[in-house]
C-alpha cells in the first residue's frame, strides 16, 4: 500500500510539500517519479506533473530500482479557502504507472 502523509488544513499560502512511501515494483523496479497539484484528485491544473522538487530517501528494501519513499516540495501561490490535492506517480521499468492521490487539504490562514 502507498502511504502519503496528509493534512486537512495548512497555513502556508506559498508552499506545498508531499511525503510518500510504499511505492514498489518487485519485478521491474521504480525508475522515475512525478508529482502534481490539482483542484481534484489526480488532476494537475495547479502544478503540472514533473519530477522537479522530488527527494528520495534511502530505504533498506531489496527491491529493484530506486527508493519507494521520499518527499517533494514546490513554491507556488495558493488561494485561501481552496481545496487542493497532491498526486504522486511512480513509473516502473516497463512503463507501468503506479499512482496515489491525497484526500486534499485546504489553505486556511484564519487565526
PDB file of N, CA and C in Angstrom:
ATOM      1  N   UNK A   1       0.831  -1.183   0.000  1.00  0.00           N
ATOM      2  CA  UNK A   1       0.000   0.000   0.000  1.00  0.00           C
ATOM      3  C   UNK A   1       0.874   1.245   0.000  1.00  0.00           C
ATOM      4  N   UNK A   2       0.481   2.223  -0.780  1.00  0.00           N
ATOM      5  CA  UNK A   2       1.180   3.502  -0.823  1.00  0.00           C
ATOM      6  C   UNK A   2       0.606   4.381   0.272  1.00  0.00           C
ATOM      7  N   UNK A   3       1.480   5.013   1.026  1.00  0.00           N
ATOM      8  CA  UNK A   3       1.066   5.879   2.130  1.00  0.00           C
ATOM      9  C   UNK A   3       1.571   7.284   1.846  1.00  0.00           C
ATOM     10  N   UNK A   4       0.714   8.268   2.006  1.00  0.00           N
ATOM     11  CA  UNK A   4       1.144   9.657   1.945  1.00  0.00           C
ATOM     12  C   UNK A   4       0.801  10.304   3.274  1.00  0.00           C
ATOM     13  N   UNK A   5       1.690  11.180   3.726  1.00  0.00           N
ATOM     14  CA  UNK A   5       1.410  11.941   4.940  1.00  0.00           C
ATOM     15  C   UNK A   5       0.481  13.057   4.516  1.00  0.00           C
ATOM     16  N   UNK A   6      -0.679  13.113   5.121  1.00  0.00           N
ATOM     17  CA  UNK A   6      -1.710  14.019   4.637  1.00  0.00           C
ATOM     18  C   UNK A   6      -2.229  14.889   5.764  1.00  0.00           C
ATOM     19  N   UNK A   7      -2.424  16.166   5.465  1.00  0.00           N
ATOM     20  CA  UNK A   7      -3.041  17.102   6.400  1.00  0.00           C
ATOM     21  C   UNK A   7      -4.339  17.588   5.777  1.00  0.00           C
ATOM     22  N   UNK A   8      -5.260  18.046   6.619  1.00  0.00           N
ATOM     23  CA  UNK A   8      -6.523  18.567   6.111  1.00  0.00           C
ATOM     24  C   UNK A   8      -6.482  20.068   5.872  1.00  0.00           C
ATOM     25  N   UNK A   9      -5.661  20.779   6.673  1.00  0.00           N
ATOM     26  CA  UNK A   9      -5.533  22.231   6.551  1.00  0.00           C
ATOM     27  C   UNK A   9      -4.067  22.614   6.608  1.00  0.00           C
ATOM     28  N   UNK A  10      -3.724  23.703   5.911  1.00  0.00           N
ATOM     29  CA  UNK A  10      -2.381  24.234   6.031  1.00  0.00           C
ATOM     30  C   UNK A  10      -2.440  25.743   6.047  1.00  0.00           C
ATOM     31  N   UNK A  11      -1.536  26.347   6.797  1.00  0.00           N
ATOM     32  CA  UNK A  11      -1.463  27.791   6.958  1.00  0.00           C
ATOM     33  C   UNK A  11      -0.699  28.449   5.814  1.00  0.00           C
ATOM     34  N   UNK A  12       0.285  27.776   5.273  1.00  0.00           N
ATOM     35  CA  UNK A  12       1.167  28.360   4.260  1.00  0.00           C
ATOM     36  C   UNK A  12       0.433  28.596   2.947  1.00  0.00           C
ATOM     37  N   UNK A  13       0.632  29.774   2.380  1.00  0.00           N
ATOM     38  CA  UNK A  13      -0.011  30.115   1.111  1.00  0.00           C
ATOM     39  C   UNK A  13       0.969  30.094  -0.054  1.00  0.00           C
ATOM     40  N   UNK A  14       2.207  29.650   0.193  1.00  0.00           N
ATOM     41  CA  UNK A  14       3.194  29.671  -0.876  1.00  0.00           C
ATOM     42  C   UNK A  14       4.014  28.406  -1.023  1.00  0.00           C
ATOM     43  N   UNK A  15       3.707  27.360  -0.260  1.00  0.00           N
ATOM     44  CA  UNK A  15       4.496  26.130  -0.315  1.00  0.00           C
ATOM     45  C   UNK A  15       3.584  24.913  -0.187  1.00  0.00           C
ATOM     46  N   UNK A  16       3.867  23.903  -0.982  1.00  0.00           N
ATOM     47  CA  UNK A  16       3.195  22.607  -0.849  1.00  0.00           C
ATOM     48  C   UNK A  16       4.272  21.543  -0.707  1.00  0.00           C
ATOM     49  N   UNK A  17       4.104  20.680   0.280  1.00  0.00           N
ATOM     50  CA  UNK A  17       5.018  19.551   0.488  1.00  0.00           C
ATOM     51  C   UNK A  17       4.198  18.275   0.565  1.00  0.00           C
ATOM     52  N   UNK A  18       4.668  17.242  -0.105  1.00  0.00           N
ATOM     53  CA  UNK A  18       4.029  15.931  -0.031  1.00  0.00           C
ATOM     54  C   UNK A  18       5.106  14.902   0.334  1.00  0.00           C
ATOM     55  N   UNK A  19       4.770  14.004   1.260  1.00  0.00           N
ATOM     56  CA  UNK A  19       5.650  12.889   1.609  1.00  0.00           C
ATOM     57  C   UNK A  19       4.952  11.598   1.203  1.00  0.00           C
ATOM     58  N   UNK A  20       5.751  10.643   0.726  1.00  0.00           N
ATOM     59  CA  UNK A  20       5.162   9.384   0.251  1.00  0.00           C
ATOM     60  C   UNK A  20       6.071   8.211   0.584  1.00  0.00           C
ATOM     61  N   UNK A  21       5.470   7.038   0.678  1.00  0.00           N
ATOM     62  CA  UNK A  21       6.217   5.792   0.865  1.00  0.00           C
ATOM     63  C   UNK A  21       5.349   4.634   0.418  1.00  0.00           C
ATOM     64  N   UNK A  22       5.980   3.510   0.126  1.00  0.00           N
ATOM     65  CA  UNK A  22       5.238   2.304  -0.217  1.00  0.00           C
ATOM     66  C   UNK A  22       5.157   1.988  -1.693  1.00  0.00           C
ATOM     67  N   UNK A  23       5.697   2.849  -2.559  1.00  0.00           N
ATOM     68  CA  UNK A  23       5.718   2.514  -3.980  1.00  0.00           C
ATOM     69  C   UNK A  23       6.728   1.390  -4.193  1.00  0.00           C
ATOM     70  N   UNK A  24       6.317   0.350  -4.915  1.00  0.00           N
ATOM     71  CA  UNK A  24       7.254  -0.727  -5.223  1.00  0.00           C
ATOM     72  C   UNK A  24       6.794  -1.512  -6.441  1.00  0.00           C
ATOM     73  N   UNK A  25       7.763  -2.072  -7.109  1.00  0.00           N
ATOM     74  CA  UNK A  25       7.522  -2.995  -8.207  1.00  0.00           C
ATOM     75  C   UNK A  25       8.624  -4.041  -8.122  1.00  0.00           C
ATOM     76  N   UNK A  26       8.309  -5.178  -7.521  1.00  0.00           N
ATOM     77  CA  UNK A  26       9.308  -6.213  -7.263  1.00  0.00           C
ATOM     78  C   UNK A  26       9.928  -6.742  -8.560  1.00  0.00           C
ATOM     79  N   UNK A  27       9.154  -6.822  -9.594  1.00  0.00           N
ATOM     80  CA  UNK A  27       9.647  -7.409 -10.840  1.00  0.00           C
ATOM     81  C   UNK A  27      10.435  -6.417 -11.693  1.00  0.00           C
ATOM     82  N   UNK A  28       9.965  -5.166 -11.797  1.00  0.00           N
ATOM     83  CA  UNK A  28      10.572  -4.225 -12.748  1.00  0.00           C
ATOM     84  C   UNK A  28      11.225  -3.010 -12.095  1.00  0.00           C
ATOM     85  N   UNK A  29      10.972  -2.803 -10.822  1.00  0.00           N
ATOM     86  CA  UNK A  29      11.549  -1.666 -10.117  1.00  0.00           C
ATOM     87  C   UNK A  29      10.936  -0.333 -10.524  1.00  0.00           C
ATOM     88  N   UNK A  30      11.070   0.636  -9.640  1.00  0.00           N
ATOM     89  CA  UNK A  30      10.647   2.011  -9.925  1.00  0.00           C
ATOM     90  C   UNK A  30      11.838   2.716 -10.562  1.00  0.00           C
ATOM     91  N   UNK A  31      11.588   3.431 -11.660  1.00  0.00           N
ATOM     92  CA  UNK A  31      12.682   4.131 -12.337  1.00  0.00           C
ATOM     93  C   UNK A  31      12.503   5.644 -12.356  1.00  0.00           C
ATOM     94  N   UNK A  32      11.289   6.128 -12.021  1.00  0.00           N
ATOM     95  CA  UNK A  32      11.032   7.565 -12.142  1.00  0.00           C
ATOM     96  C   UNK A  32       9.801   7.932 -11.312  1.00  0.00           C
ATOM     97  N   UNK A  33       9.806   9.148 -10.762  1.00  0.00           N
ATOM     98  CA  UNK A  33       8.644   9.689 -10.060  1.00  0.00           C
ATOM     99  C   UNK A  33       8.240  11.012 -10.674  1.00  0.00           C
ATOM    100  N   UNK A  34       6.944  11.301 -10.596  1.00  0.00           N
ATOM    101  CA  UNK A  34       6.392  12.608 -10.961  1.00  0.00           C
ATOM    102  C   UNK A  34       5.354  12.964  -9.906  1.00  0.00           C
ATOM    103  N   UNK A  35       5.115  14.250  -9.745  1.00  0.00           N
ATOM    104  CA  UNK A  35       4.055  14.658  -8.829  1.00  0.00           C
ATOM    105  C   UNK A  35       3.366  15.892  -9.376  1.00  0.00           C
ATOM    106  N   UNK A  36       2.152  16.138  -8.878  1.00  0.00           N
ATOM    107  CA  UNK A  36       1.348  17.256  -9.351  1.00  0.00           C
ATOM    108  C   UNK A  36       0.453  17.752  -8.227  1.00  0.00           C
ATOM    109  N   UNK A  37      -0.085  18.942  -8.434  1.00  0.00           N
ATOM    110  CA  UNK A  37      -1.065  19.541  -7.523  1.00  0.00           C
ATOM    111  C   UNK A  37      -2.265  19.950  -8.366  1.00  0.00           C
ATOM    112  N   UNK A  38      -3.450  19.623  -7.860  1.00  0.00           N
ATOM    113  CA  UNK A  38      -4.654  19.958  -8.608  1.00  0.00           C
ATOM    114  C   UNK A  38      -5.811  20.323  -7.704  1.00  0.00           C
ATOM    115  N   UNK A  39      -6.898  20.725  -8.315  1.00  0.00           N
ATOM    116  CA  UNK A  39      -8.103  21.088  -7.575  1.00  0.00           C
ATOM    117  C   UNK A  39      -9.087  19.915  -7.486  1.00  0.00           C
ATOM    118  N   UNK A  40      -8.661  18.750  -7.942  1.00  0.00           N
ATOM    119  CA  UNK A  40      -9.414  17.494  -7.800  1.00  0.00           C
ATOM    120  C   UNK A  40      -8.390  16.361  -7.760  1.00  0.00           C
ATOM    121  N   UNK A  41      -8.742  15.203  -7.185  1.00  0.00           N
ATOM    122  CA  UNK A  41      -7.805  14.084  -7.157  1.00  0.00           C
ATOM    123  C   UNK A  41      -7.339  13.723  -8.572  1.00  0.00           C
ATOM    124  N   UNK A  42      -6.036  13.465  -8.715  1.00  0.00           N
ATOM    125  CA  UNK A  42      -5.380  13.057  -9.957  1.00  0.00           C
ATOM    126  C   UNK A  42      -5.283  14.166 -11.005  1.00  0.00           C
ATOM    127  N   UNK A  43      -5.772  15.363 -10.704  1.00  0.00           N
ATOM    128  CA  UNK A  43      -5.730  16.487 -11.638  1.00  0.00           C
ATOM    129  C   UNK A  43      -4.431  17.271 -11.447  1.00  0.00           C
ATOM    130  N   UNK A  44      -3.931  17.883 -12.511  1.00  0.00           N
ATOM    131  CA  UNK A  44      -2.695  18.662 -12.428  1.00  0.00           C
ATOM    132  C   UNK A  44      -2.887  20.099 -12.929  1.00  0.00           C
ATOM    133  N   UNK A  45      -4.027  20.707 -12.582  1.00  0.00           N
ATOM    134  CA  UNK A  45      -4.347  22.048 -13.073  1.00  0.00           C
ATOM    135  C   UNK A  45      -3.683  23.174 -12.279  1.00  0.00           C
ATOM    136  N   UNK A  46      -3.031  22.876 -11.160  1.00  0.00           N
ATOM    137  CA  UNK A  46      -2.322  23.891 -10.380  1.00  0.00           C
ATOM    138  C   UNK A  46      -0.814  23.799 -10.640  1.00  0.00           C
ATOM    139  N   UNK A  47      -0.272  22.605 -10.553  1.00  0.00           N
ATOM    140  CA  UNK A  47       1.137  22.333 -10.869  1.00  0.00           C
ATOM    141  C   UNK A  47       1.172  21.070 -11.710  1.00  0.00           C
ATOM    142  N   UNK A  48       1.595  21.181 -12.971  1.00  0.00           N
ATOM    143  CA  UNK A  48       1.620  20.004 -13.848  1.00  0.00           C
ATOM    144  C   UNK A  48       2.578  18.926 -13.337  1.00  0.00           C
ATOM    145  N   UNK A  49       2.341  17.687 -13.753  1.00  0.00           N
ATOM    146  CA  UNK A  49       3.210  16.584 -13.381  1.00  0.00           C
ATOM    147  C   UNK A  49       4.635  16.860 -13.825  1.00  0.00           C
ATOM    148  N   UNK A  50       5.581  16.684 -12.887  1.00  0.00           N
ATOM    149  CA  UNK A  50       7.008  16.788 -13.188  1.00  0.00           C
ATOM    150  C   UNK A  50       7.771  16.109 -12.059  1.00  0.00           C
ATOM    151  N   UNK A  51       9.057  15.936 -12.265  1.00  0.00           N
ATOM    152  CA  UNK A  51       9.902  15.352 -11.223  1.00  0.00           C
ATOM    153  C   UNK A  51      10.598  16.430 -10.395  1.00  0.00           C
ATOM    154  N   UNK A  52      10.373  17.684 -10.714  1.00  0.00           N
ATOM    155  CA  UNK A  52      11.024  18.795 -10.003  1.00  0.00           C
ATOM    156  C   UNK A  52      10.642  18.797  -8.525  1.00  0.00           C
ATOM    157  N   UNK A  53      11.643  18.920  -7.667  1.00  0.00           N
ATOM    158  CA  UNK A  53      11.407  19.025  -6.238  1.00  0.00           C
ATOM    159  C   UNK A  53      11.319  17.712  -5.490  1.00  0.00           C
ATOM    160  N   UNK A  54      11.476  16.582  -6.167  1.00  0.00           N
ATOM    161  CA  UNK A  54      11.379  15.281  -5.512  1.00  0.00           C
ATOM    162  C   UNK A  54      12.728  14.899  -4.905  1.00  0.00           C
ATOM    163  N   UNK A  55      12.695  14.500  -3.640  1.00  0.00           N
ATOM    164  CA  UNK A  55      13.874  13.992  -2.938  1.00  0.00           C
ATOM    165  C   UNK A  55      13.527  12.592  -2.450  1.00  0.00           C
ATOM    166  N   UNK A  56      14.333  11.606  -2.843  1.00  0.00           N
ATOM    167  CA  UNK A  56      14.092  10.223  -2.428  1.00  0.00           C
ATOM    168  C   UNK A  56      14.918   9.897  -1.200  1.00  0.00           C
ATOM    169  N   UNK A  57      14.368   9.058  -0.321  1.00  0.00           N
ATOM    170  CA  UNK A  57      15.053   8.613   0.888  1.00  0.00           C
ATOM    171  C   UNK A  57      15.692   7.254   0.625  1.00  0.00           C
ATOM    172  N   UNK A  58      16.770   7.004   1.314  1.00  0.00           N
ATOM    173  CA  UNK A  58      17.352   5.663   1.271  1.00  0.00           C
ATOM    174  C   UNK A  58      16.395   4.721   1.986  1.00  0.00           C
ATOM    175  N   UNK A  59      16.134   3.596   1.379  1.00  0.00           N
ATOM    176  CA  UNK A  59      15.348   2.583   2.086  1.00  0.00           C
ATOM    177  C   UNK A  59      16.141   1.279   2.073  1.00  0.00           C
ATOM    178  N   UNK A  60      15.790   0.399   2.946  1.00  0.00           N
ATOM    179  CA  UNK A  60      16.534  -0.844   3.113  1.00  0.00           C
ATOM    180  C   UNK A  60      15.907  -2.010   2.364  1.00  0.00           C
ATOM    181  N   UNK A  61      15.069  -1.710   1.402  1.00  0.00           N
ATOM    182  CA  UNK A  61      14.411  -2.807   0.693  1.00  0.00           C
ATOM    183  C   UNK A  61      15.354  -3.448  -0.315  1.00  0.00           C
ATOM    184  N   UNK A  62      15.051  -4.664  -0.675  1.00  0.00           N
ATOM    185  CA  UNK A  62      15.831  -5.387  -1.673  1.00  0.00           C
ATOM    186  C   UNK A  62      15.172  -5.321  -3.044  1.00  0.00           C
ATOM    187  N   UNK A  63      14.305  -4.348  -3.239  1.00  0.00           N
ATOM    188  CA  UNK A  63      13.580  -4.205  -4.499  1.00  0.00           C
ATOM    189  C   UNK A  63      14.507  -3.656  -5.584  1.00  0.00           C
ATOM    190  N   UNK A  64      14.141  -3.930  -6.813  1.00  0.00           N
ATOM    191  CA  UNK A  64      14.837  -3.358  -7.960  1.00  0.00           C
ATOM    192  C   UNK A  64      14.494  -1.875  -8.069  1.00  0.00           C
ATOM    193  N   UNK A  65      15.370  -1.104  -8.685  1.00  0.00           N
ATOM    194  CA  UNK A  65      15.077   0.292  -8.974  1.00  0.00           C
ATOM    195  C   UNK A  65      15.368   1.222  -7.819  1.00  0.00           C
ATOM    196  N   UNK A  66      14.786   2.421  -7.905  1.00  0.00           N
ATOM    197  CA  UNK A  66      15.033   3.466  -6.919  1.00  0.00           C
ATOM    198  C   UNK A  66      14.093   3.340  -5.720  1.00  0.00           C
ATOM    199  N   UNK A  67      14.358   4.130  -4.705  1.00  0.00           N
ATOM    200  CA  UNK A  67      13.620   4.083  -3.444  1.00  0.00           C
ATOM    201  C   UNK A  67      12.116   4.241  -3.638  1.00  0.00           C
ATOM    202  N   UNK A  68      11.357   3.659  -2.725  1.00  0.00           N
ATOM    203  CA  UNK A  68       9.901   3.751  -2.752  1.00  0.00           C
ATOM    204  C   UNK A  68       9.350   4.826  -1.845  1.00  0.00           C
ATOM    205  N   UNK A  69      10.243   5.683  -1.302  1.00  0.00           N
ATOM    206  CA  UNK A  69       9.766   6.717  -0.389  1.00  0.00           C
ATOM    207  C   UNK A  69      10.557   8.004  -0.564  1.00  0.00           C
ATOM    208  N   UNK A  70       9.892   9.114  -0.246  1.00  0.00           N
ATOM    209  CA  UNK A  70      10.545  10.407  -0.359  1.00  0.00           C
ATOM    210  C   UNK A  70       9.568  11.527  -0.102  1.00  0.00           C
ATOM    211  N   UNK A  71       9.965  12.728  -0.531  1.00  0.00           N
ATOM    212  CA  UNK A  71       9.070  13.870  -0.432  1.00  0.00           C
ATOM    213  C   UNK A  71       9.307  14.791  -1.622  1.00  0.00           C
ATOM    214  N   UNK A  72       8.388  15.697  -1.825  1.00  0.00           N
ATOM    215  CA  UNK A  72       8.504  16.696  -2.883  1.00  0.00           C
ATOM    216  C   UNK A  72       7.961  18.007  -2.356  1.00  0.00           C
ATOM    217  N   UNK A  73       8.515  19.093  -2.865  1.00  0.00           N
ATOM    218  CA  UNK A  73       8.072  20.415  -2.413  1.00  0.00           C
ATOM    219  C   UNK A  73       8.099  21.386  -3.589  1.00  0.00           C
ATOM    220  N   UNK A  74       7.137  22.294  -3.601  1.00  0.00           N
ATOM    221  CA  UNK A  74       7.072  23.327  -4.631  1.00  0.00           C
ATOM    222  C   UNK A  74       6.646  24.638  -3.997  1.00  0.00           C
ATOM    223  N   UNK A  75       7.186  25.708  -4.530  1.00  0.00           N
ATOM    224  CA  UNK A  75       6.787  27.056  -4.139  1.00  0.00           C
ATOM    225  C   UNK A  75       5.822  27.564  -5.197  1.00  0.00           C
ATOM    226  N   UNK A  76       4.611  27.910  -4.784  1.00  0.00           N
ATOM    227  CA  UNK A  76       3.623  28.439  -5.702  1.00  0.00           C
ATOM    228  C   UNK A  76       2.523  29.123  -4.921  1.00  0.00           C
ATOM    229  N   UNK A  77       1.849  30.091  -5.516  1.00  0.00           N
ATOM    230  CA  UNK A  77       0.787  30.788  -4.791  1.00  0.00           C
ATOM    231  C   UNK A  77      -0.453  29.914  -4.632  1.00  0.00           C
ATOM    232  N   UNK A  78      -0.961  29.856  -3.400  1.00  0.00           N
ATOM    233  CA  UNK A  78      -2.169  29.099  -3.097  1.00  0.00           C
ATOM    234  C   UNK A  78      -3.241  30.058  -2.598  1.00  0.00           C
ATOM    235  N   UNK A  79      -4.496  29.770  -2.917  1.00  0.00           N
ATOM    236  CA  UNK A  79      -5.608  30.635  -2.527  1.00  0.00           C
ATOM    237  C   UNK A  79      -6.226  30.191  -1.216  1.00  0.00           C
ATOM    238  N   UNK A  80      -6.486  31.155  -0.352  1.00  0.00           N
ATOM    239  CA  UNK A  80      -7.188  30.931   0.908  1.00  0.00           C
ATOM    240  C   UNK A  80      -8.527  30.264   0.624  1.00  0.00           C
ATOM    241  N   UNK A  81      -8.836  29.206   1.364  1.00  0.00           N
ATOM    242  CA  UNK A  81     -10.118  28.523   1.241  1.00  0.00           C
ATOM    243  C   UNK A  81     -10.207  27.502   0.128  1.00  0.00           C
ATOM    244  N   UNK A  82      -9.204  27.430  -0.738  1.00  0.00           N
ATOM    245  CA  UNK A  82      -9.221  26.488  -1.858  1.00  0.00           C
ATOM    246  C   UNK A  82      -8.816  25.090  -1.385  1.00  0.00           C
ATOM    247  N   UNK A  83      -9.487  24.078  -1.887  1.00  0.00           N
ATOM    248  CA  UNK A  83      -9.140  22.688  -1.619  1.00  0.00           C
ATOM    249  C   UNK A  83      -8.183  22.219  -2.716  1.00  0.00           C
ATOM    250  N   UNK A  84      -7.022  21.684  -2.308  1.00  0.00           N
ATOM    251  CA  UNK A  84      -6.004  21.196  -3.237  1.00  0.00           C
ATOM    252  C   UNK A  84      -5.723  19.719  -2.971  1.00  0.00           C
ATOM    253  N   UNK A  85      -5.259  19.021  -4.005  1.00  0.00           N
ATOM    254  CA  UNK A  85      -4.899  17.608  -3.909  1.00  0.00           C
ATOM    255  C   UNK A  85      -3.504  17.412  -4.493  1.00  0.00           C
ATOM    256  N   UNK A  86      -2.726  16.523  -3.885  1.00  0.00           N
ATOM    257  CA  UNK A  86      -1.429  16.150  -4.441  1.00  0.00           C
ATOM    258  C   UNK A  86      -1.526  14.732  -4.992  1.00  0.00           C
ATOM    259  N   UNK A  87      -0.826  14.494  -6.085  1.00  0.00           N
ATOM    260  CA  UNK A  87      -0.770  13.177  -6.688  1.00  0.00           C
ATOM    261  C   UNK A  87       0.688  12.829  -6.947  1.00  0.00           C
ATOM    262  N   UNK A  88       1.086  11.621  -6.590  1.00  0.00           N
ATOM    263  CA  UNK A  88       2.435  11.121  -6.870  1.00  0.00           C
ATOM    264  C   UNK A  88       2.297   9.919  -7.792  1.00  0.00           C
ATOM    265  N   UNK A  89       3.112   9.919  -8.842  1.00  0.00           N
ATOM    266  CA  UNK A  89       3.162   8.797  -9.783  1.00  0.00           C
ATOM    267  C   UNK A  89       4.548   8.164  -9.740  1.00  0.00           C
ATOM    268  N   UNK A  90       4.584   6.846  -9.697  1.00  0.00           N
ATOM    269  CA  UNK A  90       5.830   6.099  -9.838  1.00  0.00           C
ATOM    270  C   UNK A  90       5.750   5.342 -11.155  1.00  0.00           C
ATOM    271  N   UNK A  91       6.823   5.426 -11.948  1.00  0.00           N
ATOM    272  CA  UNK A  91       6.863   4.739 -13.227  1.00  0.00           C
ATOM    273  C   UNK A  91       7.837   3.571 -13.103  1.00  0.00           C
ATOM    274  N   UNK A  92       7.383   2.387 -13.503  1.00  0.00           N
ATOM    275  CA  UNK A  92       8.210   1.182 -13.379  1.00  0.00           C
ATOM    276  C   UNK A  92       9.127   1.027 -14.594  1.00  0.00           C
ATOM    277  N   UNK A  93      10.013   0.048 -14.499  1.00  0.00           N
ATOM    278  CA  UNK A  93      10.964  -0.211 -15.564  1.00  0.00           C
ATOM    279  C   UNK A  93      10.349  -0.596 -16.895  1.00  0.00           C
ATOM    280  N   UNK A  94       9.096  -1.036 -16.903  1.00  0.00           N
ATOM    281  CA  UNK A  94       8.443  -1.344 -18.188  1.00  0.00           C
ATOM    282  C   UNK A  94       7.349  -0.322 -18.527  1.00  0.00           C
ATOM    283  N   UNK A  95       7.314   0.778 -17.759  1.00  0.00           N
ATOM    284  CA  UNK A  95       6.397   1.859 -18.096  1.00  0.00           C
ATOM    285  C   UNK A  95       5.045   1.832 -17.408  1.00  0.00           C
ATOM    286  N   UNK A  96       4.808   0.883 -16.507  1.00  0.00           N
ATOM    287  CA  UNK A  96       3.554   0.903 -15.750  1.00  0.00           C
ATOM    288  C   UNK A  96       3.551   2.108 -14.819  1.00  0.00           C
ATOM    289  N   UNK A  97       2.390   2.671 -14.597  1.00  0.00           N
ATOM    290  CA  UNK A  97       2.256   3.841 -13.731  1.00  0.00           C
ATOM    291  C   UNK A  97       1.505   3.445 -12.464  1.00  0.00           C
ATOM    292  N   UNK A  98       2.144   3.672 -11.316  1.00  0.00           N
ATOM    293  CA  UNK A  98       1.522   3.472 -10.008  1.00  0.00           C
ATOM    294  C   UNK A  98       1.215   4.872  -9.488  1.00  0.00           C
ATOM    295  N   UNK A  99      -0.015   5.095  -9.037  1.00  0.00           N
ATOM    296  CA  UNK A  99      -0.452   6.455  -8.727  1.00  0.00           C
ATOM    297  C   UNK A  99      -1.166   6.502  -7.391  1.00  0.00           C
ATOM    298  N   UNK A 100      -0.932   7.575  -6.641  1.00  0.00           N
ATOM    299  CA  UNK A 100      -1.618   7.779  -5.371  1.00  0.00           C
ATOM    300  C   UNK A 100      -1.932   9.253  -5.204  1.00  0.00           C
ATOM    301  N   UNK A 101      -3.174   9.557  -4.824  1.00  0.00           N
ATOM    302  CA  UNK A 101      -3.597  10.939  -4.612  1.00  0.00           C
ATOM    303  C   UNK A 101      -3.993  11.145  -3.154  1.00  0.00           C
ATOM    304  N   UNK A 102      -3.757  12.354  -2.657  1.00  0.00           N
ATOM    305  CA  UNK A 102      -4.176  12.693  -1.292  1.00  0.00           C
ATOM    306  C   UNK A 102      -5.680  12.889  -1.255  1.00  0.00           C
ATOM    307  N   UNK A 103      -6.219  12.995  -0.041  1.00  0.00           N
ATOM    308  CA  UNK A 103      -7.648  13.290   0.081  1.00  0.00           C
ATOM    309  C   UNK A 103      -7.890  14.787   0.188  1.00  0.00           C
ATOM    310  N   UNK A 104      -6.860  15.574  -0.053  1.00  0.00           N
ATOM    311  CA  UNK A 104      -6.997  17.019  -0.157  1.00  0.00           C
ATOM    312  C   UNK A 104      -6.654  17.782   1.103  1.00  0.00           C
ATOM    313  N   UNK A 105      -6.276  19.048   0.905  1.00  0.00           N
ATOM    314  CA  UNK A 105      -6.024  19.971   2.002  1.00  0.00           C
ATOM    315  C   UNK A 105      -6.527  21.348   1.606  1.00  0.00           C
ATOM    316  N   UNK A 106      -6.935  22.104   2.600  1.00  0.00           N
ATOM    317  CA  UNK A 106      -7.433  23.455   2.379  1.00  0.00           C
ATOM    318  C   UNK A 106      -6.469  24.454   2.997  1.00  0.00           C
ATOM    319  N   UNK A 107      -6.219  25.546   2.282  1.00  0.00           N
ATOM    320  CA  UNK A 107      -5.406  26.622   2.812  1.00  0.00           C
ATOM    321  C   UNK A 107      -6.300  27.467   3.724  1.00  0.00           C
ATOM    322  N   UNK A 108      -5.896  27.583   4.997  1.00  0.00           N
ATOM    323  CA  UNK A 108      -6.696  28.326   5.981  1.00  0.00           C
ATOM    324  C   UNK A 108      -5.761  29.218   6.794  1.00  0.00           C
ATOM    325  N   UNK A 109      -5.847  30.519   6.587  1.00  0.00           N
ATOM    326  CA  UNK A 109      -4.976  31.456   7.294  1.00  0.00           C
ATOM    327  C   UNK A 109      -5.702  32.207   8.414  1.00  0.00           C
ATOM    328  N   UNK A 110      -6.902  31.747   8.754  1.00  0.00           N
ATOM    329  CA  UNK A 110      -7.620  32.395   9.850  1.00  0.00           C
ATOM    330  C   UNK A 110      -6.942  32.064  11.176  1.00  0.00           C
ATOM    331  N   UNK A 111      -6.956  33.019  12.120  1.00  0.00           N
ATOM    332  CA  UNK A 111      -6.293  32.765  13.404  1.00  0.00           C
ATOM    333  C   UNK A 111      -6.997  31.725  14.258  1.00  0.00           C
TER     334      UNK A 111
END
